[in-house]
Amino acid sequence: MTSRLLLALAALVAVSASAQAQNPPLNFDQAAYITCKEAHAMNPEARKALAVFLADHSARTRGVVIPDGDLGAHLAHLVRGGCTLSPDAYLFTVVDRAIVAESSKLPKRR
């Protein structure tokens, strides 16, 4: 009987963790500590929303704008590569470093 209870609790915890991984954080303090691995576990829409939120925050801090088009896609590829190399890194760190690396090519904020 206790083994069934433990299995049921383990399943409940797994479902709860999965449900939490699907929802993007509500503020920067929560978003800043999401790892690449945790972001990868999110559904695609939530992951994109999180990445855009973090990129906008970093770009504002750095005084640049993230453009649409090829340069924006290039930044996304840098973030994807950084997360592939270091899945335990915080997604914000990877996003911020990509923006810093390309900041000389990005349009300045007005």
PDB file of N, CA and C in Angstrom:
ATOM      1  N   MET A   1       0.819  -1.193   0.000  1.00  0.00           N
ATOM      2  CA  MET A   1       0.000   0.000   0.000  1.00  0.00           C
ATOM      3  C   MET A   1       0.863   1.256   0.000  1.00  0.00           C
ATOM      4  N   THR A   2       1.934   1.289   0.786  1.00  0.00           N
ATOM      5  CA  THR A   2       2.774   2.476   0.834  1.00  0.00           C
ATOM      6  C   THR A   2       3.519   2.682  -0.482  1.00  0.00           C
ATOM      7  N   SER A   3       3.868   1.605  -1.176  1.00  0.00           N
ATOM      8  CA  SER A   3       4.549   1.784  -2.452  1.00  0.00           C
ATOM      9  C   SER A   3       3.619   2.432  -3.471  1.00  0.00           C
ATOM     10  N   ARG A   4       2.336   2.109  -3.436  1.00  0.00           N
ATOM     11  CA  ARG A   4       1.374   2.755  -4.327  1.00  0.00           C
ATOM     12  C   ARG A   4       1.247   4.241  -3.985  1.00  0.00           C
ATOM     13  N   LEU A   5       1.234   4.532  -2.708  1.00  0.00           N
ATOM     14  CA  LEU A   5       1.142   5.919  -2.272  1.00  0.00           C
ATOM     15  C   LEU A   5       2.375   6.705  -2.723  1.00  0.00           C
ATOM     16  N   LEU A   6       3.544   6.099  -2.580  1.00  0.00           N
ATOM     17  CA  LEU A   6       4.780   6.760  -3.024  1.00  0.00           C
ATOM     18  C   LEU A   6       4.768   6.981  -4.526  1.00  0.00           C
ATOM     19  N   LEU A   7       4.299   6.001  -5.282  1.00  0.00           N
ATOM     20  CA  LEU A   7       4.217   6.158  -6.733  1.00  0.00           C
ATOM     21  C   LEU A   7       3.239   7.263  -7.104  1.00  0.00           C
ATOM     22  N   ALA A   8       2.116   7.316  -6.402  1.00  0.00           N
ATOM     23  CA  ALA A   8       1.130   8.360  -6.680  1.00  0.00           C
ATOM     24  C   ALA A   8       1.701   9.739  -6.352  1.00  0.00           C
ATOM     25  N   LEU A   9       2.417   9.854  -5.230  1.00  0.00           N
ATOM     26  CA  LEU A   9       3.041  11.129  -4.874  1.00  0.00           C
ATOM     27  C   LEU A   9       4.110  11.527  -5.882  1.00  0.00           C
ATOM     28  N   ALA A  10       4.908  10.566  -6.317  1.00  0.00           N
ATOM     29  CA  ALA A  10       5.942  10.853  -7.313  1.00  0.00           C
ATOM     30  C   ALA A  10       5.310  11.330  -8.617  1.00  0.00           C
ATOM     31  N   ALA A  11       4.212  10.710  -9.019  1.00  0.00           N
ATOM     32  CA  ALA A  11       3.521  11.120 -10.240  1.00  0.00           C
ATOM     33  C   ALA A  11       2.954  12.522 -10.090  1.00  0.00           C
ATOM     34  N   LEU A  12       2.399  12.820  -8.921  1.00  0.00           N
ATOM     35  CA  LEU A  12       1.840  14.141  -8.662  1.00  0.00           C
ATOM     36  C   LEU A  12       2.924  15.218  -8.705  1.00  0.00           C
ATOM     37  N   VAL A  13       4.062  14.932  -8.115  1.00  0.00           N
ATOM     38  CA  VAL A  13       5.180  15.879  -8.139  1.00  0.00           C
ATOM     39  C   VAL A  13       5.662  16.093  -9.563  1.00  0.00           C
ATOM     40  N   ALA A  14       5.757  15.013 -10.340  1.00  0.00           N
ATOM     41  CA  ALA A  14       6.215  15.126 -11.724  1.00  0.00           C
ATOM     42  C   ALA A  14       5.246  15.968 -12.553  1.00  0.00           C
ATOM     43  N   VAL A  15       3.947  15.763 -12.370  1.00  0.00           N
ATOM     44  CA  VAL A  15       2.947  16.542 -13.095  1.00  0.00           C
ATOM     45  C   VAL A  15       3.006  18.001 -12.673  1.00  0.00           C
ATOM     46  N   SER A  16       3.167  18.249 -11.385  1.00  0.00           N
ATOM     47  CA  SER A  16       3.254  19.617 -10.881  1.00  0.00           C
ATOM     48  C   SER A  16       4.480  20.325 -11.452  1.00  0.00           C
ATOM     49  N   ALA A  17       5.618  19.651 -11.456  1.00  0.00           N
ATOM     50  CA  ALA A  17       6.842  20.248 -11.997  1.00  0.00           C
ATOM     51  C   ALA A  17       6.704  20.508 -13.483  1.00  0.00           C
ATOM     52  N   SER A  18       6.054  19.592 -14.187  1.00  0.00           N
ATOM     53  CA  SER A  18       5.849  19.769 -15.614  1.00  0.00           C
ATOM     54  C   SER A  18       4.944  20.961 -15.891  1.00  0.00           C
ATOM     55  N   ALA A  19       3.897  21.103 -15.094  1.00  0.00           N
ATOM     56  CA  ALA A  19       2.980  22.226 -15.279  1.00  0.00           C
ATOM     57  C   ALA A  19       3.691  23.547 -14.995  1.00  0.00           C
ATOM     58  N   GLN A  20       4.549  23.595 -13.982  1.00  0.00           N
ATOM     59  CA  GLN A  20       5.278  24.814 -13.684  1.00  0.00           C
ATOM     60  C   GLN A  20       6.265  25.150 -14.789  1.00  0.00           C
ATOM     61  N   ALA A  21       6.835  24.146 -15.412  1.00  0.00           N
ATOM     62  CA  ALA A  21       7.809  24.384 -16.476  1.00  0.00           C
ATOM     63  C   ALA A  21       7.153  24.948 -17.718  1.00  0.00           C
ATOM     64  N   GLN A  22       5.829  24.829 -17.837  1.00  0.00           N
ATOM     65  CA  GLN A  22       5.132  25.317 -19.015  1.00  0.00           C
ATOM     66  C   GLN A  22       4.811  26.807 -18.923  1.00  0.00           C
ATOM     67  N   ASN A  23       4.776  27.362 -17.724  1.00  0.00           N
ATOM     68  CA  ASN A  23       4.401  28.754 -17.539  1.00  0.00           C
ATOM     69  C   ASN A  23       5.632  29.634 -17.416  1.00  0.00           C
ATOM     70  N   PRO A  24       5.711  30.711 -18.236  1.00  0.00           N
ATOM     71  CA  PRO A  24       6.857  31.605 -18.090  1.00  0.00           C
ATOM     72  C   PRO A  24       6.773  32.374 -16.782  1.00  0.00           C
ATOM     73  N   PRO A  25       7.903  32.766 -16.220  1.00  0.00           N
ATOM     74  CA  PRO A  25       7.890  33.533 -14.971  1.00  0.00           C
ATOM     75  C   PRO A  25       7.227  34.888 -15.169  1.00  0.00           C
ATOM     76  N   LEU A  26       6.786  35.464 -14.087  1.00  0.00           N
ATOM     77  CA  LEU A  26       6.019  36.700 -14.154  1.00  0.00           C
ATOM     78  C   LEU A  26       6.866  37.957 -14.053  1.00  0.00           C
ATOM     79  N   ASN A  27       8.086  37.862 -13.536  1.00  0.00           N
ATOM     80  CA  ASN A  27       8.920  39.051 -13.392  1.00  0.00           C
ATOM     81  C   ASN A  27      10.380  38.704 -13.642  1.00  0.00           C
ATOM     82  N   PHE A  28      11.194  39.748 -13.729  1.00  0.00           N
ATOM     83  CA  PHE A  28      12.603  39.529 -14.049  1.00  0.00           C
ATOM     84  C   PHE A  28      13.317  38.706 -12.982  1.00  0.00           C
ATOM     85  N   ASP A  29      13.004  38.947 -11.718  1.00  0.00           N
ATOM     86  CA  ASP A  29      13.679  38.209 -10.643  1.00  0.00           C
ATOM     87  C   ASP A  29      13.456  36.705 -10.763  1.00  0.00           C
ATOM     88  N   GLN A  30      12.293  36.302 -11.241  1.00  0.00           N
ATOM     89  CA  GLN A  30      12.035  34.874 -11.466  1.00  0.00           C
ATOM     90  C   GLN A  30      12.680  34.412 -12.774  1.00  0.00           C
ATOM     91  N   ALA A  31      12.563  35.226 -13.811  1.00  0.00           N
ATOM     92  CA  ALA A  31      13.052  34.851 -15.134  1.00  0.00           C
ATOM     93  C   ALA A  31      14.572  34.726 -15.181  1.00  0.00           C
ATOM     94  N   ALA A  32      15.270  35.530 -14.414  1.00  0.00           N
ATOM     95  CA  ALA A  32      16.734  35.557 -14.471  1.00  0.00           C
ATOM     96  C   ALA A  32      17.362  34.245 -14.030  1.00  0.00           C
ATOM     97  N   TYR A  33      16.648  33.451 -13.257  1.00  0.00           N
ATOM     98  CA  TYR A  33      17.228  32.217 -12.725  1.00  0.00           C
ATOM     99  C   TYR A  33      16.693  30.955 -13.389  1.00  0.00           C
ATOM    100  N   ILE A  34      16.143  31.099 -14.579  1.00  0.00           N
ATOM    101  CA  ILE A  34      15.721  29.948 -15.367  1.00  0.00           C
ATOM    102  C   ILE A  34      16.937  29.470 -16.161  1.00  0.00           C
ATOM    103  N   THR A  35      17.273  28.203 -16.041  1.00  0.00           N
ATOM    104  CA  THR A  35      18.401  27.674 -16.802  1.00  0.00           C
ATOM    105  C   THR A  35      17.967  27.346 -18.225  1.00  0.00           C
ATOM    106  N   CYS A  36      18.932  27.159 -19.081  1.00  0.00           N
ATOM    107  CA  CYS A  36      18.634  26.764 -20.454  1.00  0.00           C
ATOM    108  C   CYS A  36      17.868  25.440 -20.474  1.00  0.00           C
ATOM    109  N   LYS A  37      18.269  24.526 -19.607  1.00  0.00           N
ATOM    110  CA  LYS A  37      17.606  23.228 -19.541  1.00  0.00           C
ATOM    111  C   LYS A  37      16.140  23.376 -19.133  1.00  0.00           C
ATOM    112  N   GLU A  38      15.872  24.234 -18.156  1.00  0.00           N
ATOM    113  CA  GLU A  38      14.493  24.471 -17.726  1.00  0.00           C
ATOM    114  C   GLU A  38      13.688  25.161 -18.825  1.00  0.00           C
ATOM    115  N   ALA A  39      14.304  26.088 -19.527  1.00  0.00           N
ATOM    116  CA  ALA A  39      13.615  26.767 -20.622  1.00  0.00           C
ATOM    117  C   ALA A  39      13.296  25.782 -21.742  1.00  0.00           C
ATOM    118  N   HIS A  40      14.211  24.867 -21.988  1.00  0.00           N
ATOM    119  CA  HIS A  40      13.989  23.869 -23.038  1.00  0.00           C
ATOM    120  C   HIS A  40      12.791  22.980 -22.706  1.00  0.00           C
ATOM    121  N   ALA A  41      12.522  22.780 -21.427  1.00  0.00           N
ATOM    122  CA  ALA A  41      11.390  21.949 -21.010  1.00  0.00           C
ATOM    123  C   ALA A  41      10.050  22.672 -21.172  1.00  0.00           C
ATOM    124  N   MET A  42      10.072  23.978 -21.384  1.00  0.00           N
ATOM    125  CA  MET A  42       8.830  24.745 -21.564  1.00  0.00           C
ATOM    126  C   MET A  42       8.247  24.483 -22.939  1.00  0.00           C
ATOM    127  N   ASN A  43       6.961  24.802 -23.090  1.00  0.00           N
ATOM    128  CA  ASN A  43       6.384  24.708 -24.433  1.00  0.00           C
ATOM    129  C   ASN A  43       6.983  25.835 -25.276  1.00  0.00           C
ATOM    130  N   PRO A  44       6.981  25.683 -26.598  1.00  0.00           N
ATOM    131  CA  PRO A  44       7.677  26.658 -27.457  1.00  0.00           C
ATOM    132  C   PRO A  44       7.213  28.105 -27.281  1.00  0.00           C
ATOM    133  N   GLU A  45       5.916  28.313 -27.100  1.00  0.00           N
ATOM    134  CA  GLU A  45       5.430  29.688 -26.957  1.00  0.00           C
ATOM    135  C   GLU A  45       5.951  30.329 -25.672  1.00  0.00           C
ATOM    136  N   ALA A  46       5.922  29.578 -24.587  1.00  0.00           N
ATOM    137  CA  ALA A  46       6.414  30.102 -23.308  1.00  0.00           C
ATOM    138  C   ALA A  46       7.915  30.350 -23.374  1.00  0.00           C
ATOM    139  N   ARG A  47       8.641  29.457 -24.019  1.00  0.00           N
ATOM    140  CA  ARG A  47      10.101  29.612 -24.147  1.00  0.00           C
ATOM    141  C   ARG A  47      10.434  30.849 -24.968  1.00  0.00           C
ATOM    142  N   LYS A  48       9.710  31.073 -26.061  1.00  0.00           N
ATOM    143  CA  LYS A  48       9.946  32.259 -26.892  1.00  0.00           C
ATOM    144  C   LYS A  48       9.622  33.533 -26.128  1.00  0.00           C
ATOM    145  N   ALA A  49       8.501  33.513 -25.405  1.00  0.00           N
ATOM    146  CA  ALA A  49       8.123  34.692 -24.626  1.00  0.00           C
ATOM    147  C   ALA A  49       9.180  35.012 -23.577  1.00  0.00           C
ATOM    148  N   LEU A  50       9.708  33.981 -22.927  1.00  0.00           N
ATOM    149  CA  LEU A  50      10.760  34.170 -21.929  1.00  0.00           C
ATOM    150  C   LEU A  50      12.015  34.746 -22.569  1.00  0.00           C
ATOM    151  N   ALA A  51      12.426  34.183 -23.696  1.00  0.00           N
ATOM    152  CA  ALA A  51      13.641  34.655 -24.372  1.00  0.00           C
ATOM    153  C   ALA A  51      13.494  36.101 -24.831  1.00  0.00           C
ATOM    154  N   VAL A  52      12.343  36.455 -25.364  1.00  0.00           N
ATOM    155  CA  VAL A  52      12.107  37.835 -25.810  1.00  0.00           C
ATOM    156  C   VAL A  52      12.113  38.784 -24.616  1.00  0.00           C
ATOM    157  N   PHE A  53      11.476  38.382 -23.525  1.00  0.00           N
ATOM    158  CA  PHE A  53      11.457  39.196 -22.313  1.00  0.00           C
ATOM    159  C   PHE A  53      12.874  39.457 -21.819  1.00  0.00           C
ATOM    160  N   LEU A  54      13.690  38.400 -21.753  1.00  0.00           N
ATOM    161  CA  LEU A  54      15.066  38.555 -21.273  1.00  0.00           C
ATOM    162  C   LEU A  54      15.913  39.374 -22.245  1.00  0.00           C
ATOM    163  N   ALA A  55      15.718  39.164 -23.539  1.00  0.00           N
ATOM    164  CA  ALA A  55      16.476  39.925 -24.539  1.00  0.00           C
ATOM    165  C   ALA A  55      16.107  41.406 -24.480  1.00  0.00           C
ATOM    166  N   ASP A  56      14.836  41.713 -24.320  1.00  0.00           N
ATOM    167  CA  ASP A  56      14.423  43.119 -24.211  1.00  0.00           C
ATOM    168  C   ASP A  56      15.035  43.764 -22.972  1.00  0.00           C
ATOM    169  N   HIS A  57      15.038  43.038 -21.865  1.00  0.00           N
ATOM    170  CA  HIS A  57      15.625  43.575 -20.637  1.00  0.00           C
ATOM    171  C   HIS A  57      17.124  43.848 -20.829  1.00  0.00           C
ATOM    172  N   SER A  58      17.825  42.886 -21.392  1.00  0.00           N
ATOM    173  CA  SER A  58      19.265  43.048 -21.611  1.00  0.00           C
ATOM    174  C   SER A  58      19.545  44.187 -22.590  1.00  0.00           C
ATOM    175  N   ALA A  59      18.761  44.253 -23.659  1.00  0.00           N
ATOM    176  CA  ALA A  59      18.973  45.301 -24.664  1.00  0.00           C
ATOM    177  C   ALA A  59      18.749  46.692 -24.065  1.00  0.00           C
ATOM    178  N   ARG A  60      17.716  46.841 -23.240  1.00  0.00           N
ATOM    179  CA  ARG A  60      17.483  48.131 -22.584  1.00  0.00           C
ATOM    180  C   ARG A  60      18.659  48.500 -21.693  1.00  0.00           C
ATOM    181  N   THR A  61      19.157  47.520 -20.946  1.00  0.00           N
ATOM    182  CA  THR A  61      20.290  47.770 -20.051  1.00  0.00           C
ATOM    183  C   THR A  61      21.535  48.156 -20.838  1.00  0.00           C
ATOM    184  N   ARG A  62      21.729  47.528 -21.974  1.00  0.00           N
ATOM    185  CA  ARG A  62      22.926  47.773 -22.800  1.00  0.00           C
ATOM    186  C   ARG A  62      22.774  48.957 -23.742  1.00  0.00           C
ATOM    187  N   GLY A  63      21.568  49.548 -23.812  1.00  0.00           N
ATOM    188  CA  GLY A  63      21.351  50.713 -24.665  1.00  0.00           C
ATOM    189  C   GLY A  63      21.243  50.397 -26.137  1.00  0.00           C
ATOM    190  N   VAL A  64      20.789  49.197 -26.462  1.00  0.00           N
ATOM    191  CA  VAL A  64      20.625  48.804 -27.862  1.00  0.00           C
ATOM    192  C   VAL A  64      19.200  48.303 -28.079  1.00  0.00           C
ATOM    193  N   VAL A  65      18.891  48.043 -29.344  1.00  0.00           N
ATOM    194  CA  VAL A  65      17.584  47.516 -29.742  1.00  0.00           C
ATOM    195  C   VAL A  65      17.822  46.198 -30.459  1.00  0.00           C
ATOM    196  N   ILE A  66      16.965  45.227 -30.195  1.00  0.00           N
ATOM    197  CA  ILE A  66      17.045  43.938 -30.902  1.00  0.00           C
ATOM    198  C   ILE A  66      16.214  44.065 -32.173  1.00  0.00           C
ATOM    199  N   PRO A  67      16.849  44.039 -33.328  1.00  0.00           N
ATOM    200  CA  PRO A  67      16.098  44.203 -34.571  1.00  0.00           C
ATOM    201  C   PRO A  67      15.477  42.880 -35.040  1.00  0.00           C
ATOM    202  N   ASP A  68      14.438  43.014 -35.838  1.00  0.00           N
ATOM    203  CA  ASP A  68      13.905  41.843 -36.527  1.00  0.00           C
ATOM    204  C   ASP A  68      14.827  41.551 -37.708  1.00  0.00           C
ATOM    205  N   GLY A  69      14.686  40.404 -38.294  1.00  0.00           N
ATOM    206  CA  GLY A  69      15.459  40.083 -39.482  1.00  0.00           C
ATOM    207  C   GLY A  69      16.702  39.275 -39.175  1.00  0.00           C
ATOM    208  N   ASP A  70      17.688  39.414 -40.043  1.00  0.00           N
ATOM    209  CA  ASP A  70      18.887  38.586 -39.981  1.00  0.00           C
ATOM    210  C   ASP A  70      19.683  38.757 -38.689  1.00  0.00           C
ATOM    211  N   LEU A  71      19.832  39.979 -38.221  1.00  0.00           N
ATOM    212  CA  LEU A  71      20.620  40.206 -37.004  1.00  0.00           C
ATOM    213  C   LEU A  71      19.919  39.632 -35.778  1.00  0.00           C
ATOM    214  N   GLY A  72      18.611  39.757 -35.719  1.00  0.00           N
ATOM    215  CA  GLY A  72      17.856  39.147 -34.629  1.00  0.00           C
ATOM    216  C   GLY A  72      17.959  37.630 -34.669  1.00  0.00           C
ATOM    217  N   ALA A  73      17.899  37.068 -35.875  1.00  0.00           N
ATOM    218  CA  ALA A  73      18.039  35.616 -36.032  1.00  0.00           C
ATOM    219  C   ALA A  73      19.445  35.169 -35.645  1.00  0.00           C
ATOM    220  N   HIS A  74      20.444  35.989 -35.958  1.00  0.00           N
ATOM    221  CA  HIS A  74      21.821  35.666 -35.590  1.00  0.00           C
ATOM    222  C   HIS A  74      21.971  35.608 -34.070  1.00  0.00           C
ATOM    223  N   LEU A  75      21.349  36.552 -33.371  1.00  0.00           N
ATOM    224  CA  LEU A  75      21.382  36.531 -31.902  1.00  0.00           C
ATOM    225  C   LEU A  75      20.718  35.266 -31.369  1.00  0.00           C
ATOM    226  N   ALA A  76      19.601  34.892 -31.979  1.00  0.00           N
ATOM    227  CA  ALA A  76      18.908  33.675 -31.549  1.00  0.00           C
ATOM    228  C   ALA A  76      19.793  32.447 -31.740  1.00  0.00           C
ATOM    229  N   HIS A  77      20.534  32.396 -32.836  1.00  0.00           N
ATOM    230  CA  HIS A  77      21.455  31.275 -33.067  1.00  0.00           C
ATOM    231  C   HIS A  77      22.587  31.265 -32.040  1.00  0.00           C
ATOM    232  N   LEU A  78      23.083  32.444 -31.661  1.00  0.00           N
ATOM    233  CA  LEU A  78      24.112  32.503 -30.623  1.00  0.00           C
ATOM    234  C   LEU A  78      23.582  31.980 -29.293  1.00  0.00           C
ATOM    235  N   VAL A  79      22.346  32.350 -28.963  1.00  0.00           N
ATOM    236  CA  VAL A  79      21.733  31.881 -27.714  1.00  0.00           C
ATOM    237  C   VAL A  79      21.528  30.374 -27.773  1.00  0.00           C
ATOM    238  N   ARG A  80      21.035  29.878 -28.885  1.00  0.00           N
ATOM    239  CA  ARG A  80      20.834  28.429 -29.019  1.00  0.00           C
ATOM    240  C   ARG A  80      22.163  27.690 -28.869  1.00  0.00           C
ATOM    241  N   GLY A  81      23.213  28.196 -29.495  1.00  0.00           N
ATOM    242  CA  GLY A  81      24.526  27.567 -29.374  1.00  0.00           C
ATOM    243  C   GLY A  81      25.057  27.610 -27.954  1.00  0.00           C
ATOM    244  N   GLY A  82      24.891  28.758 -27.285  1.00  0.00           N
ATOM    245  CA  GLY A  82      25.343  28.879 -25.898  1.00  0.00           C
ATOM    246  C   GLY A  82      24.611  27.921 -24.981  1.00  0.00           C
ATOM    247  N   CYS A  83      23.311  27.766 -25.200  1.00  0.00           N
ATOM    248  CA  CYS A  83      22.535  26.845 -24.362  1.00  0.00           C
ATOM    249  C   CYS A  83      22.871  25.384 -24.677  1.00  0.00           C
ATOM    250  N   THR A  84      23.214  25.115 -25.918  1.00  0.00           N
ATOM    251  CA  THR A  84      23.620  23.748 -26.277  1.00  0.00           C
ATOM    252  C   THR A  84      24.935  23.393 -25.589  1.00  0.00           C
ATOM    253  N   LEU A  85      25.866  24.345 -25.565  1.00  0.00           N
ATOM    254  CA  LEU A  85      27.163  24.096 -24.940  1.00  0.00           C
ATOM    255  C   LEU A  85      27.085  24.042 -23.416  1.00  0.00           C
ATOM    256  N   SER A  86      26.159  24.814 -22.847  1.00  0.00           N
ATOM    257  CA  SER A  86      26.068  24.892 -21.393  1.00  0.00           C
ATOM    258  C   SER A  86      24.605  24.915 -20.945  1.00  0.00           C
ATOM    259  N   PRO A  87      23.948  23.752 -20.953  1.00  0.00           N
ATOM    260  CA  PRO A  87      22.519  23.711 -20.614  1.00  0.00           C
ATOM    261  C   PRO A  87      22.206  24.109 -19.173  1.00  0.00           C
ATOM    262  N   ASP A  88      23.180  24.058 -18.280  1.00  0.00           N
ATOM    263  CA  ASP A  88      22.938  24.444 -16.891  1.00  0.00           C
ATOM    264  C   ASP A  88      23.152  25.936 -16.645  1.00  0.00           C
ATOM    265  N   ALA A  89      23.537  26.665 -17.694  1.00  0.00           N
ATOM    266  CA  ALA A  89      23.722  28.114 -17.562  1.00  0.00           C
ATOM    267  C   ALA A  89      22.362  28.789 -17.479  1.00  0.00           C
ATOM    268  N   TYR A  90      22.319  29.934 -16.815  1.00  0.00           N
ATOM    269  CA  TYR A  90      21.085  30.709 -16.787  1.00  0.00           C
ATOM    270  C   TYR A  90      20.835  31.282 -18.181  1.00  0.00           C
ATOM    271  N   LEU A  91      19.609  31.164 -18.640  1.00  0.00           N
ATOM    272  CA  LEU A  91      19.254  31.655 -19.971  1.00  0.00           C
ATOM    273  C   LEU A  91      19.557  33.149 -20.094  1.00  0.00           C
ATOM    274  N   PHE A  92      19.306  33.920 -19.046  1.00  0.00           N
ATOM    275  CA  PHE A  92      19.581  35.351 -19.112  1.00  0.00           C
ATOM    276  C   PHE A  92      21.061  35.621 -19.364  1.00  0.00           C
ATOM    277  N   THR A  93      21.923  34.867 -18.725  1.00  0.00           N
ATOM    278  CA  THR A  93      23.361  35.052 -18.923  1.00  0.00           C
ATOM    279  C   THR A  93      23.742  34.802 -20.371  1.00  0.00           C
ATOM    280  N   VAL A  94      23.197  33.745 -20.949  1.00  0.00           N
ATOM    281  CA  VAL A  94      23.497  33.411 -22.344  1.00  0.00           C
ATOM    282  C   VAL A  94      22.969  34.508 -23.271  1.00  0.00           C
ATOM    283  N   VAL A  95      21.749  34.964 -23.034  1.00  0.00           N
ATOM    284  CA  VAL A  95      21.150  36.020 -23.852  1.00  0.00           C
ATOM    285  C   VAL A  95      21.967  37.305 -23.731  1.00  0.00           C
ATOM    286  N   ASP A  96      22.297  37.682 -22.514  1.00  0.00           N
ATOM    287  CA  ASP A  96      23.049  38.918 -22.287  1.00  0.00           C
ATOM    288  C   ASP A  96      24.422  38.866 -22.947  1.00  0.00           C
ATOM    289  N   ARG A  97      25.102  37.748 -22.841  1.00  0.00           N
ATOM    290  CA  ARG A  97      26.431  37.635 -23.471  1.00  0.00           C
ATOM    291  C   ARG A  97      26.348  37.699 -24.986  1.00  0.00           C
ATOM    292  N   ALA A  98      25.282  37.139 -25.557  1.00  0.00           N
ATOM    293  CA  ALA A  98      25.102  37.226 -27.006  1.00  0.00           C
ATOM    294  C   ALA A  98      24.888  38.680 -27.419  1.00  0.00           C
ATOM    295  N   ILE A  99      24.109  39.413 -26.646  1.00  0.00           N
ATOM    296  CA  ILE A  99      23.862  40.821 -26.959  1.00  0.00           C
ATOM    297  C   ILE A  99      25.133  41.641 -26.794  1.00  0.00           C
ATOM    298  N   VAL A 100      25.899  41.379 -25.768  1.00  0.00           N
ATOM    299  CA  VAL A 100      27.173  42.087 -25.578  1.00  0.00           C
ATOM    300  C   VAL A 100      28.120  41.784 -26.732  1.00  0.00           C
ATOM    301  N   ALA A 101      28.177  40.536 -27.159  1.00  0.00           N
ATOM    302  CA  ALA A 101      29.075  40.149 -28.247  1.00  0.00           C
ATOM    303  C   ALA A 101      28.714  40.851 -29.557  1.00  0.00           C
ATOM    304  N   GLU A 102      27.442  41.113 -29.771  1.00  0.00           N
ATOM    305  CA  GLU A 102      26.999  41.723 -31.021  1.00  0.00           C
ATOM    306  C   GLU A 102      26.596  43.182 -30.867  1.00  0.00           C
ATOM    307  N   SER A 103      26.839  43.782 -29.721  1.00  0.00           N
ATOM    308  CA  SER A 103      26.344  45.138 -29.454  1.00  0.00           C
ATOM    309  C   SER A 103      26.873  46.185 -30.433  1.00  0.00           C
ATOM    310  N   SER A 104      28.056  45.995 -30.954  1.00  0.00           N
ATOM    311  CA  SER A 104      28.582  46.984 -31.906  1.00  0.00           C
ATOM    312  C   SER A 104      27.808  46.970 -33.223  1.00  0.00           C
ATOM    313  N   LYS A 105      27.114  45.879 -33.512  1.00  0.00           N
ATOM    314  CA  LYS A 105      26.332  45.765 -34.746  1.00  0.00           C
ATOM    315  C   LYS A 105      24.857  46.106 -34.545  1.00  0.00           C
ATOM    316  N   LEU A 106      24.434  46.245 -33.303  1.00  0.00           N
ATOM    317  CA  LEU A 106      23.027  46.484 -33.003  1.00  0.00           C
ATOM    318  C   LEU A 106      22.724  47.977 -33.021  1.00  0.00           C
ATOM    319  N   PRO A 107      21.510  48.358 -33.455  1.00  0.00           N
ATOM    320  CA  PRO A 107      21.146  49.774 -33.425  1.00  0.00           C
ATOM    321  C   PRO A 107      21.054  50.278 -31.987  1.00  0.00           C
ATOM    322  N   LYS A 108      21.483  51.523 -31.791  1.00  0.00           N
ATOM    323  CA  LYS A 108      21.456  52.132 -30.458  1.00  0.00           C
ATOM    324  C   LYS A 108      20.037  52.572 -30.126  1.00  0.00           C
ATOM    325  N   ARG A 109      19.705  52.469 -28.843  1.00  0.00           N
ATOM    326  CA  ARG A 109      18.387  52.903 -28.350  1.00  0.00           C
ATOM    327  C   ARG A 109      18.345  54.411 -28.361  1.00  0.00           C
ATOM    328  N   ARG A 110      17.201  54.975 -28.720  1.00  0.00           N
ATOM    329  CA  ARG A 110      17.046  56.449 -28.766  1.00  0.00           C
ATOM    330  C   ARG A 110      16.496  56.975 -27.491  1.00  0.00           C
TER     331      ARG A 110
END
